[in-house]
Amino acid sequence: MSRIKSVVATATVAAAGALALIFSSPAPAAAADTYPYGQCTYYAKAQRPDVGNQWGDARYWAGRARAAGFPVDSRPRVGDVAVLDRNVQGRSPYGHVAIVIGVTGNHFKTLSMWGNEGSGRVHVTVLHVGPGVSFIHHRGGTTAAIGKTKTGKPQPAKPTTKVTKPTGKHHK
């Protein structure tokens, strides 16, 4: 029994460490990330370097991801890029992209930068599945279950920012 507890504790620490590395504020942009710093597209590309670098405004990402061979659908998974079309759930006419860090029923928690601030601050937001929302999965099938416990429940991220709910203000 103590061996099982040790294995579970080690796995929990490893998962927490991986989550902290993946979802911390991004390092300065690599030369390959040409999206403007502080925009949601910059943050999504910094966290998911496998996505395209010339996909334009967030509202175009789902279509361009499909064209590039990425699986895209309406079912969120931890590690996906969430794509909100223009003006969906209080977002801007440019749309919005964010990284999914938790899923509970029809709601999903994301990390992203908001372009209207241009500050580089990372926000945690809870959104919901619905019209105009899609998810870019990793190529090759499954998305890593980073941030989930063995029971499948989301493990909370520990960003240094507060949880913000959509205010209806537009942001990119």
C-alpha atoms as a PDB file:
ATOM      1  CA  MET A   1       0.000   0.000   0.000  1.00  0.00           C
ATOM      2  CA  SER A   2       2.823   2.416   0.795  1.00  0.00           C
ATOM      3  CA  ARG A   3       4.340   1.723  -2.645  1.00  0.00           C
ATOM      4  CA  ILE A   4       1.060   2.685  -4.322  1.00  0.00           C
ATOM      5  CA  LYS A   5       0.884   5.902  -2.265  1.00  0.00           C
ATOM      6  CA  SER A   6       4.465   6.685  -3.246  1.00  0.00           C
ATOM      7  CA  VAL A   7       3.744   6.146  -6.957  1.00  0.00           C
ATOM      8  CA  VAL A   8       0.586   8.292  -6.787  1.00  0.00           C
ATOM      9  CA  ALA A   9       2.432  11.055  -4.908  1.00  0.00           C
ATOM     10  CA  THR A  10       5.275  11.004  -7.441  1.00  0.00           C
ATOM     11  CA  ALA A  11       2.818  11.165 -10.360  1.00  0.00           C
ATOM     12  CA  THR A  12       0.937  14.046  -8.723  1.00  0.00           C
ATOM     13  CA  VAL A  13       4.137  16.048  -8.179  1.00  0.00           C
ATOM     14  CA  ALA A  14       5.266  15.352 -11.756  1.00  0.00           C
ATOM     15  CA  ALA A  15       1.902  16.425 -13.190  1.00  0.00           C
ATOM     16  CA  ALA A  16       1.892  19.614 -11.106  1.00  0.00           C
ATOM     17  CA  GLY A  17       5.426  20.418 -12.268  1.00  0.00           C
ATOM     18  CA  ALA A  18       4.528  19.827 -15.910  1.00  0.00           C
ATOM     19  CA  LEU A  19       1.434  21.995 -15.561  1.00  0.00           C
ATOM     20  CA  ALA A  20       3.440  24.820 -14.002  1.00  0.00           C
ATOM     21  CA  LEU A  21       5.988  24.703 -16.813  1.00  0.00           C
ATOM     22  CA  ILE A  22       3.426  24.585 -19.596  1.00  0.00           C
ATOM     23  CA  PHE A  23       1.010  27.175 -18.262  1.00  0.00           C
ATOM     24  CA  SER A  24       3.330  29.753 -16.759  1.00  0.00           C
ATOM     25  CA  SER A  25       3.692  33.091 -18.487  1.00  0.00           C
ATOM     26  CA  PRO A  26       5.491  32.589 -21.768  1.00  0.00           C
ATOM     27  CA  ALA A  27       9.138  33.311 -22.265  1.00  0.00           C
ATOM     28  CA  PRO A  28      10.015  36.029 -24.766  1.00  0.00           C
ATOM     29  CA  ALA A  29       8.787  35.071 -28.205  1.00  0.00           C
ATOM     30  CA  ALA A  30      10.883  32.683 -30.185  1.00  0.00           C
ATOM     31  CA  ALA A  31      11.813  33.901 -33.632  1.00  0.00           C
ATOM     32  CA  ALA A  32       9.107  31.619 -35.039  1.00  0.00           C
ATOM     33  CA  ASP A  33       6.302  33.356 -33.069  1.00  0.00           C
ATOM     34  CA  THR A  34       5.433  36.383 -35.177  1.00  0.00           C
ATOM     35  CA  TYR A  35       2.165  37.190 -33.410  1.00  0.00           C
ATOM     36  CA  PRO A  36       2.204  40.518 -31.531  1.00  0.00           C
ATOM     37  CA  TYR A  37       3.218  40.277 -27.873  1.00  0.00           C
ATOM     38  CA  GLY A  38       0.284  40.632 -25.501  1.00  0.00           C
ATOM     39  CA  GLN A  39      -2.282  39.293 -27.973  1.00  0.00           C
ATOM     40  CA  CYS A  40      -4.174  36.059 -27.418  1.00  0.00           C
ATOM     41  CA  THR A  41      -2.605  34.649 -30.585  1.00  0.00           C
ATOM     42  CA  TYR A  42       0.894  35.284 -29.203  1.00  0.00           C
ATOM     43  CA  TYR A  43       0.125  33.412 -25.979  1.00  0.00           C
ATOM     44  CA  ALA A  44      -1.538  30.481 -27.744  1.00  0.00           C
ATOM     45  CA  LYS A  45       1.419  30.103 -30.122  1.00  0.00           C
ATOM     46  CA  ALA A  46       3.903  30.367 -27.228  1.00  0.00           C
ATOM     47  CA  GLN A  47       2.101  27.557 -25.381  1.00  0.00           C
ATOM     48  CA  ARG A  48       1.406  25.424 -28.465  1.00  0.00           C
ATOM     49  CA  PRO A  49       4.383  25.904 -30.813  1.00  0.00           C
ATOM     50  CA  ASP A  50       2.945  23.208 -33.106  1.00  0.00           C
ATOM     51  CA  VAL A  51       0.174  25.533 -34.317  1.00  0.00           C
ATOM     52  CA  GLY A  52       0.616  27.715 -37.380  1.00  0.00           C
ATOM     53  CA  ASN A  53       2.517  30.950 -37.309  1.00  0.00           C
ATOM     54  CA  GLN A  54       0.646  32.776 -40.051  1.00  0.00           C
ATOM     55  CA  TRP A  55      -2.963  31.958 -39.166  1.00  0.00           C
ATOM     56  CA  GLY A  56      -3.957  35.604 -38.673  1.00  0.00           C
ATOM     57  CA  ASP A  57      -6.661  36.811 -36.322  1.00  0.00           C
ATOM     58  CA  ALA A  58      -8.032  34.331 -33.794  1.00  0.00           C
ATOM     59  CA  ARG A  59     -11.345  33.955 -35.646  1.00  0.00           C
ATOM     60  CA  TYR A  60      -9.517  32.223 -38.540  1.00  0.00           C
ATOM     61  CA  TRP A  61      -7.597  29.674 -36.475  1.00  0.00           C
ATOM     62  CA  ALA A  62     -10.084  26.759 -36.543  1.00  0.00           C
ATOM     63  CA  GLY A  63     -10.383  26.786 -40.358  1.00  0.00           C
ATOM     64  CA  ARG A  64      -6.660  27.191 -40.877  1.00  0.00           C
ATOM     65  CA  ALA A  65      -5.918  24.429 -38.371  1.00  0.00           C
ATOM     66  CA  ARG A  66      -8.252  22.035 -40.256  1.00  0.00           C
ATOM     67  CA  ALA A  67      -6.539  22.959 -43.532  1.00  0.00           C
ATOM     68  CA  ALA A  68      -3.157  22.210 -41.918  1.00  0.00           C
ATOM     69  CA  GLY A  69      -4.326  18.743 -40.807  1.00  0.00           C
ATOM     70  CA  PHE A  70      -5.113  19.396 -37.149  1.00  0.00           C
ATOM     71  CA  PRO A  71      -8.179  17.703 -35.659  1.00  0.00           C
ATOM     72  CA  VAL A  72     -10.751  20.387 -34.797  1.00  0.00           C
ATOM     73  CA  ASP A  73     -14.137  19.804 -33.173  1.00  0.00           C
ATOM     74  CA  SER A  74     -16.482  21.060 -30.460  1.00  0.00           C
ATOM     75  CA  ARG A  75     -15.203  18.833 -27.614  1.00  0.00           C
ATOM     76  CA  PRO A  76     -12.655  20.513 -25.298  1.00  0.00           C
ATOM     77  CA  ARG A  77      -9.682  18.683 -23.837  1.00  0.00           C
ATOM     78  CA  VAL A  78      -6.923  19.947 -21.584  1.00  0.00           C
ATOM     79  CA  GLY A  79      -4.103  21.286 -23.763  1.00  0.00           C
ATOM     80  CA  ASP A  80      -6.344  22.268 -26.700  1.00  0.00           C
ATOM     81  CA  VAL A  81      -6.451  25.693 -28.263  1.00  0.00           C
ATOM     82  CA  ALA A  82      -9.976  27.028 -27.751  1.00  0.00           C
ATOM     83  CA  VAL A  83     -11.137  29.190 -30.667  1.00  0.00           C
ATOM     84  CA  LEU A  84     -14.009  31.640 -30.294  1.00  0.00           C
ATOM     85  CA  ASP A  85     -15.413  33.183 -33.454  1.00  0.00           C
ATOM     86  CA  ARG A  86     -15.958  36.917 -33.662  1.00  0.00           C
ATOM     87  CA  ASN A  87     -18.165  38.436 -30.960  1.00  0.00           C
ATOM     88  CA  VAL A  88     -18.803  35.042 -29.282  1.00  0.00           C
ATOM     89  CA  GLN A  89     -19.221  35.128 -25.482  1.00  0.00           C
ATOM     90  CA  GLY A  90     -18.281  38.788 -25.290  1.00  0.00           C
ATOM     91  CA  ARG A  91     -15.107  38.502 -27.381  1.00  0.00           C
ATOM     92  CA  SER A  92     -13.935  40.935 -30.021  1.00  0.00           C
ATOM     93  CA  PRO A  93     -14.625  41.037 -33.757  1.00  0.00           C
ATOM     94  CA  TYR A  94     -11.173  39.457 -34.157  1.00  0.00           C
ATOM     95  CA  GLY A  95     -12.237  36.370 -32.182  1.00  0.00           C
ATOM     96  CA  HIS A  96     -10.236  34.872 -29.341  1.00  0.00           C
ATOM     97  CA  VAL A  97      -7.896  31.923 -28.752  1.00  0.00           C
ATOM     98  CA  ALA A  98      -6.875  30.472 -25.405  1.00  0.00           C
ATOM     99  CA  ILE A  99      -5.332  27.335 -23.925  1.00  0.00           C
ATOM    100  CA  VAL A 100      -7.736  24.901 -22.208  1.00  0.00           C
ATOM    101  CA  ILE A 101      -6.558  24.012 -18.674  1.00  0.00           C
ATOM    102  CA  GLY A 102      -9.682  22.319 -17.302  1.00  0.00           C
ATOM    103  CA  VAL A 103     -13.012  20.890 -18.437  1.00  0.00           C
ATOM    104  CA  THR A 104     -16.153  20.360 -16.353  1.00  0.00           C
ATOM    105  CA  GLY A 105     -19.298  19.428 -18.237  1.00  0.00           C
ATOM    106  CA  ASN A 106     -20.002  22.120 -20.847  1.00  0.00           C
ATOM    107  CA  HIS A 107     -17.647  24.605 -19.205  1.00  0.00           C
ATOM    108  CA  PHE A 108     -13.925  24.910 -19.738  1.00  0.00           C
ATOM    109  CA  LYS A 109     -11.242  26.977 -18.033  1.00  0.00           C
ATOM    110  CA  THR A 110      -8.636  28.756 -20.136  1.00  0.00           C
ATOM    111  CA  LEU A 111      -5.444  30.772 -19.897  1.00  0.00           C
ATOM    112  CA  SER A 112      -4.873  33.598 -22.365  1.00  0.00           C
ATOM    113  CA  MET A 113      -3.655  37.115 -22.924  1.00  0.00           C
ATOM    114  CA  TRP A 114      -6.140  39.838 -23.825  1.00  0.00           C
ATOM    115  CA  GLY A 115      -5.110  42.016 -26.727  1.00  0.00           C
ATOM    116  CA  ASN A 116      -6.978  45.120 -25.613  1.00  0.00           C
ATOM    117  CA  GLU A 117      -4.626  45.364 -22.636  1.00  0.00           C
ATOM    118  CA  GLY A 118      -1.385  44.661 -24.482  1.00  0.00           C
ATOM    119  CA  SER A 119       0.129  44.170 -21.021  1.00  0.00           C
ATOM    120  CA  GLY A 120       1.190  40.544 -21.370  1.00  0.00           C
ATOM    121  CA  ARG A 121      -0.871  39.642 -18.302  1.00  0.00           C
ATOM    122  CA  VAL A 122      -2.286  36.114 -18.369  1.00  0.00           C
ATOM    123  CA  HIS A 123      -5.961  35.690 -17.487  1.00  0.00           C
ATOM    124  CA  VAL A 124      -7.912  32.675 -16.289  1.00  0.00           C
ATOM    125  CA  THR A 125     -11.414  32.591 -17.770  1.00  0.00           C
ATOM    126  CA  VAL A 126     -14.296  30.128 -17.589  1.00  0.00           C
ATOM    127  CA  LEU A 127     -16.203  29.780 -20.864  1.00  0.00           C
ATOM    128  CA  HIS A 128     -18.791  27.344 -22.205  1.00  0.00           C
ATOM    129  CA  VAL A 129     -19.146  25.071 -25.204  1.00  0.00           C
ATOM    130  CA  GLY A 130     -21.611  26.302 -27.792  1.00  0.00           C
ATOM    131  CA  PRO A 131     -22.068  27.929 -31.194  1.00  0.00           C
ATOM    132  CA  GLY A 132     -18.946  29.635 -32.477  1.00  0.00           C
ATOM    133  CA  VAL A 133     -16.590  27.698 -30.167  1.00  0.00           C
ATOM    134  CA  SER A 134     -14.185  25.025 -31.414  1.00  0.00           C
ATOM    135  CA  PHE A 135     -11.040  23.299 -30.209  1.00  0.00           C
ATOM    136  CA  ILE A 136      -7.765  22.588 -31.977  1.00  0.00           C
ATOM    137  CA  HIS A 137      -6.389  19.270 -30.747  1.00  0.00           C
ATOM    138  CA  HIS A 138      -2.839  17.987 -31.083  1.00  0.00           C
ATOM    139  CA  ARG A 139      -2.078  16.137 -34.299  1.00  0.00           C
ATOM    140  CA  GLY A 140      -1.926  12.387 -34.028  1.00  0.00           C
ATOM    141  CA  GLY A 141      -5.023  11.865 -31.982  1.00  0.00           C
ATOM    142  CA  THR A 142      -4.976  12.310 -28.252  1.00  0.00           C
ATOM    143  CA  THR A 143      -4.342  15.367 -26.169  1.00  0.00           C
ATOM    144  CA  ALA A 144      -2.135  14.844 -23.140  1.00  0.00           C
ATOM    145  CA  ALA A 145      -4.048  14.748 -19.893  1.00  0.00           C
ATOM    146  CA  ILE A 146      -1.833  17.335 -18.281  1.00  0.00           C
ATOM    147  CA  GLY A 147      -3.579  18.915 -15.355  1.00  0.00           C
ATOM    148  CA  LYS A 148      -5.950  16.021 -14.672  1.00  0.00           C
ATOM    149  CA  THR A 149      -5.922  13.634 -11.758  1.00  0.00           C
ATOM    150  CA  LYS A 150      -6.315   9.876 -12.090  1.00  0.00           C
ATOM    151  CA  THR A 151     -10.050  10.307 -11.487  1.00  0.00           C
ATOM    152  CA  GLY A 152     -10.260  12.516 -14.564  1.00  0.00           C
ATOM    153  CA  LYS A 153     -11.159  15.618 -12.558  1.00  0.00           C
ATOM    154  CA  PRO A 154      -9.371  18.795 -13.583  1.00  0.00           C
ATOM    155  CA  GLN A 155      -6.464  19.789 -11.384  1.00  0.00           C
ATOM    156  CA  PRO A 156      -6.467  23.535 -10.801  1.00  0.00           C
ATOM    157  CA  ALA A 157      -3.765  25.584 -12.440  1.00  0.00           C
ATOM    158  CA  LYS A 158      -1.836  27.963 -10.242  1.00  0.00           C
ATOM    159  CA  PRO A 159      -1.303  31.065 -12.347  1.00  0.00           C
ATOM    160  CA  THR A 160      -0.310  34.306 -10.681  1.00  0.00           C
ATOM    161  CA  THR A 161      -3.392  36.035 -12.027  1.00  0.00           C
ATOM    162  CA  LYS A 162      -6.938  36.209 -10.743  1.00  0.00           C
ATOM    163  CA  VAL A 163      -9.922  34.455 -12.283  1.00  0.00           C
ATOM    164  CA  THR A 164     -11.844  36.884 -14.433  1.00  0.00           C
ATOM    165  CA  LYS A 165     -15.299  36.441 -15.833  1.00  0.00           C
ATOM    166  CA  PRO A 166     -16.254  37.897 -19.213  1.00  0.00           C
ATOM    167  CA  THR A 167     -17.402  41.494 -18.765  1.00  0.00           C
ATOM    168  CA  GLY A 168     -18.696  42.051 -22.270  1.00  0.00           C
ATOM    169  CA  LYS A 169     -15.697  44.238 -23.058  1.00  0.00           C
ATOM    170  CA  HIS A 170     -14.113  43.382 -26.359  1.00  0.00           C
ATOM    171  CA  HIS A 171     -10.596  42.014 -26.468  1.00  0.00           C
ATOM    172  CA  LYS A 172      -8.481  40.205 -28.959  1.00  0.00           C
END
